[in-house]
Amino acid sequence: MKKVLILCLVLVGTTLYAQPPGHKENGPREERREKMSEFTPQQRAELKTKKMTLALDLNPTQQTAIQKLNLEIETDRQARKENSKDKKALTTAEKFEKASQRLDAEIAVKKQLKAILTEAQFEKFEKSHARKQNRRKANMGRKSD
C-alpha cells in the first residue's frame, strides 16, 4: 500500500514538474511569429521565396519573379500594419472596404503566381496553401475554447 502511494506521489510530482507554470500550448509558434515580425520585409520575402523554392522546385527565373512578388506582398503587409487602426474603432463600411481590398490583393497575387508557376507547381502550391488555411481555422477554433 505504501509503495502504491509513493508511486502515485512520484508520478504526480513528475507530471507537475514536466509542465512549468505559464506553459503555453502555442508557445513555439508565438515565438516564431515574433521573430518573423522582427525581420525587414526584404528578409521575410527572401525566406518565403526560399521556402517556396524548396517546396515547389523553382527554377532561377521563377525564383527571381517570386522574389519580386513576395517583396511586393511583404512591403504592402508592412505598410498596412503600420497604418492599421484598432479593429474595434472601424465602422462596418471601413471593415468591408479593408476586407475587399485584401481579397482583391489575394486575387491579383494568385493570378501572378499562376503566370509564374507551371500547372503542377501551382496545384502543389494550392494544396499546401489550403492545408495551412485549414490549420489556421482549426487553431482559431481552439483559441476560443
Protein backbone atom coordinates (compact mmCIF):
# COMPACT_ATOMS: atom_id res chain seq x y z
CA MET A 1 0.00 0.00 0.00
CA LYS A 2 2.83 2.36 0.90
CA LYS A 3 4.57 1.55 -2.37
CA VAL A 4 1.45 2.38 -4.39
CA LEU A 5 1.04 5.69 -2.55
CA ILE A 6 4.70 6.59 -3.07
CA LEU A 7 4.43 5.64 -6.75
CA CYS A 8 1.37 7.88 -7.17
CA LEU A 9 3.13 10.80 -5.48
CA VAL A 10 6.18 10.36 -7.70
CA LEU A 11 4.02 10.27 -10.83
CA VAL A 12 2.07 13.38 -9.81
CA GLY A 13 5.29 15.18 -8.89
CA THR A 14 6.97 14.43 -12.20
CA THR A 15 3.86 15.45 -14.13
CA LEU A 16 3.71 18.78 -12.35
CA TYR A 17 7.43 19.32 -12.83
CA ALA A 18 7.22 18.48 -16.56
CA GLN A 19 4.75 21.32 -17.18
CA PRO A 20 6.08 24.54 -15.69
CA PRO A 21 3.69 27.33 -14.72
CA GLY A 22 2.96 29.70 -17.57
CA HIS A 23 3.15 26.82 -20.03
CA LYS A 24 1.53 27.90 -23.29
CA GLU A 25 0.10 25.49 -25.79
CA ASN A 26 1.22 27.55 -28.80
CA GLY A 27 4.49 28.80 -27.30
CA PRO A 28 6.93 27.94 -30.09
CA ARG A 29 4.53 29.20 -32.77
CA GLU A 30 4.13 32.53 -30.99
CA GLU A 31 7.90 32.84 -30.62
CA ARG A 32 8.35 32.14 -34.34
CA ARG A 33 5.76 34.78 -35.22
CA GLU A 34 7.52 37.35 -33.04
CA LYS A 35 10.88 36.54 -34.61
CA MET A 36 9.45 36.90 -38.11
CA SER A 37 8.00 40.30 -37.24
CA GLU A 38 11.49 41.49 -36.31
CA PHE A 39 12.74 40.88 -39.87
CA THR A 40 12.59 43.52 -42.59
CA PRO A 41 10.17 42.97 -45.48
CA GLN A 42 13.14 42.10 -47.71
CA GLN A 43 14.30 39.41 -45.30
CA ARG A 44 10.80 37.94 -44.93
CA ALA A 45 10.38 37.92 -48.73
CA GLU A 46 13.70 36.14 -49.16
CA LEU A 47 12.84 33.48 -46.58
CA LYS A 48 9.42 32.94 -48.10
CA THR A 49 10.97 32.61 -51.56
CA LYS A 50 13.49 30.05 -50.33
CA LYS A 51 10.73 28.01 -48.69
CA MET A 52 8.72 28.09 -51.91
CA THR A 53 11.83 27.10 -53.89
CA LEU A 54 12.30 24.04 -51.70
CA ALA A 55 8.63 23.09 -51.76
CA LEU A 56 7.94 23.71 -55.46
CA ASP A 57 11.37 23.12 -57.02
CA LEU A 58 11.51 26.54 -58.72
CA ASN A 59 13.98 27.33 -61.48
CA PRO A 60 16.15 30.51 -61.27
CA THR A 61 13.85 32.67 -63.40
CA GLN A 62 10.85 31.61 -61.32
CA GLN A 63 12.83 32.36 -58.15
CA THR A 64 13.53 35.95 -59.20
CA ALA A 65 9.90 36.51 -60.22
CA ILE A 66 8.62 35.01 -56.97
CA GLN A 67 11.17 37.07 -55.00
CA LYS A 68 9.80 40.30 -56.56
CA LEU A 69 6.22 39.21 -55.87
CA ASN A 70 7.00 38.26 -52.25
CA LEU A 71 8.81 41.57 -51.72
CA GLU A 72 5.74 43.42 -53.02
CA ILE A 73 3.49 41.43 -50.68
CA GLU A 74 5.70 41.94 -47.64
CA THR A 75 6.16 45.70 -48.16
CA ASP A 76 2.40 46.06 -48.60
CA ARG A 77 1.83 43.99 -45.44
CA GLN A 78 4.29 46.19 -43.52
CA ALA A 79 2.55 49.36 -44.74
CA ARG A 80 -0.88 48.02 -43.78
CA LYS A 81 0.43 47.01 -40.36
CA GLU A 82 1.83 50.48 -39.71
CA ASN A 83 -1.33 52.25 -40.93
CA SER A 84 -3.82 49.94 -39.25
CA LYS A 85 -6.30 51.30 -36.76
CA ASP A 86 -7.83 49.49 -33.85
CA LYS A 87 -10.25 46.89 -35.26
CA LYS A 88 -12.94 47.93 -32.80
CA ALA A 89 -12.70 51.57 -33.91
CA LEU A 90 -13.52 50.73 -37.54
CA THR A 91 -17.03 51.22 -38.87
CA THR A 92 -18.70 48.42 -40.79
CA ALA A 93 -18.09 50.26 -44.08
CA GLU A 94 -14.38 50.56 -43.27
CA LYS A 95 -14.21 46.88 -42.32
CA PHE A 96 -15.90 45.96 -45.59
CA GLU A 97 -13.52 48.15 -47.59
CA LYS A 98 -10.47 46.63 -45.86
CA ALA A 99 -11.71 43.09 -46.46
CA SER A 100 -12.49 43.89 -50.09
CA GLN A 101 -9.01 45.36 -50.66
CA ARG A 102 -7.37 42.35 -49.02
CA LEU A 103 -9.33 39.92 -51.20
CA ASP A 104 -8.56 41.94 -54.35
CA ALA A 105 -4.87 41.77 -53.47
CA GLU A 106 -5.13 37.99 -52.92
CA ILE A 107 -6.77 37.55 -56.31
CA ALA A 108 -4.03 39.60 -58.01
CA VAL A 109 -1.30 37.58 -56.29
CA LYS A 110 -2.97 34.33 -57.31
CA LYS A 111 -3.09 35.47 -60.96
CA GLN A 112 0.58 36.43 -60.84
CA LEU A 113 1.53 33.11 -59.26
CA LYS A 114 -0.45 31.26 -61.91
CA ALA A 115 1.52 33.09 -64.60
CA ILE A 116 4.89 32.34 -62.95
CA LEU A 117 4.44 28.72 -61.88
CA THR A 118 3.82 25.66 -64.02
CA GLU A 119 0.47 23.94 -63.72
CA ALA A 120 1.85 21.16 -61.48
CA GLN A 121 3.68 23.65 -59.25
CA PHE A 122 0.55 25.79 -58.93
CA GLU A 123 -1.56 22.77 -57.96
CA LYS A 124 1.02 21.81 -55.32
CA PHE A 125 1.04 25.40 -54.03
CA GLU A 126 -2.77 25.46 -53.84
CA LYS A 127 -2.86 22.21 -51.87
CA SER A 128 -0.28 23.38 -49.35
CA HIS A 129 -1.99 26.77 -49.07
CA ALA A 130 -5.36 25.09 -48.42
CA ARG A 131 -3.78 22.88 -45.72
CA LYS A 132 -2.31 25.92 -43.98
CA GLN A 133 -5.65 27.73 -44.08
CA ASN A 134 -7.42 24.70 -42.62
CA ARG A 135 -4.86 24.55 -39.79
CA ARG A 136 -5.36 28.24 -39.06
CA LYS A 137 -9.13 27.77 -38.91
CA ALA A 138 -8.75 24.79 -36.60
CA ASN A 139 -6.38 26.72 -34.32
CA MET A 140 -8.75 29.69 -34.19
CA GLY A 141 -11.48 27.37 -33.00
CA ARG A 142 -9.25 26.07 -30.22
CA LYS A 143 -8.26 29.53 -29.02
CA SER A 144 -11.87 30.50 -28.37
CA ASP A 145 -12.37 27.49 -26.06
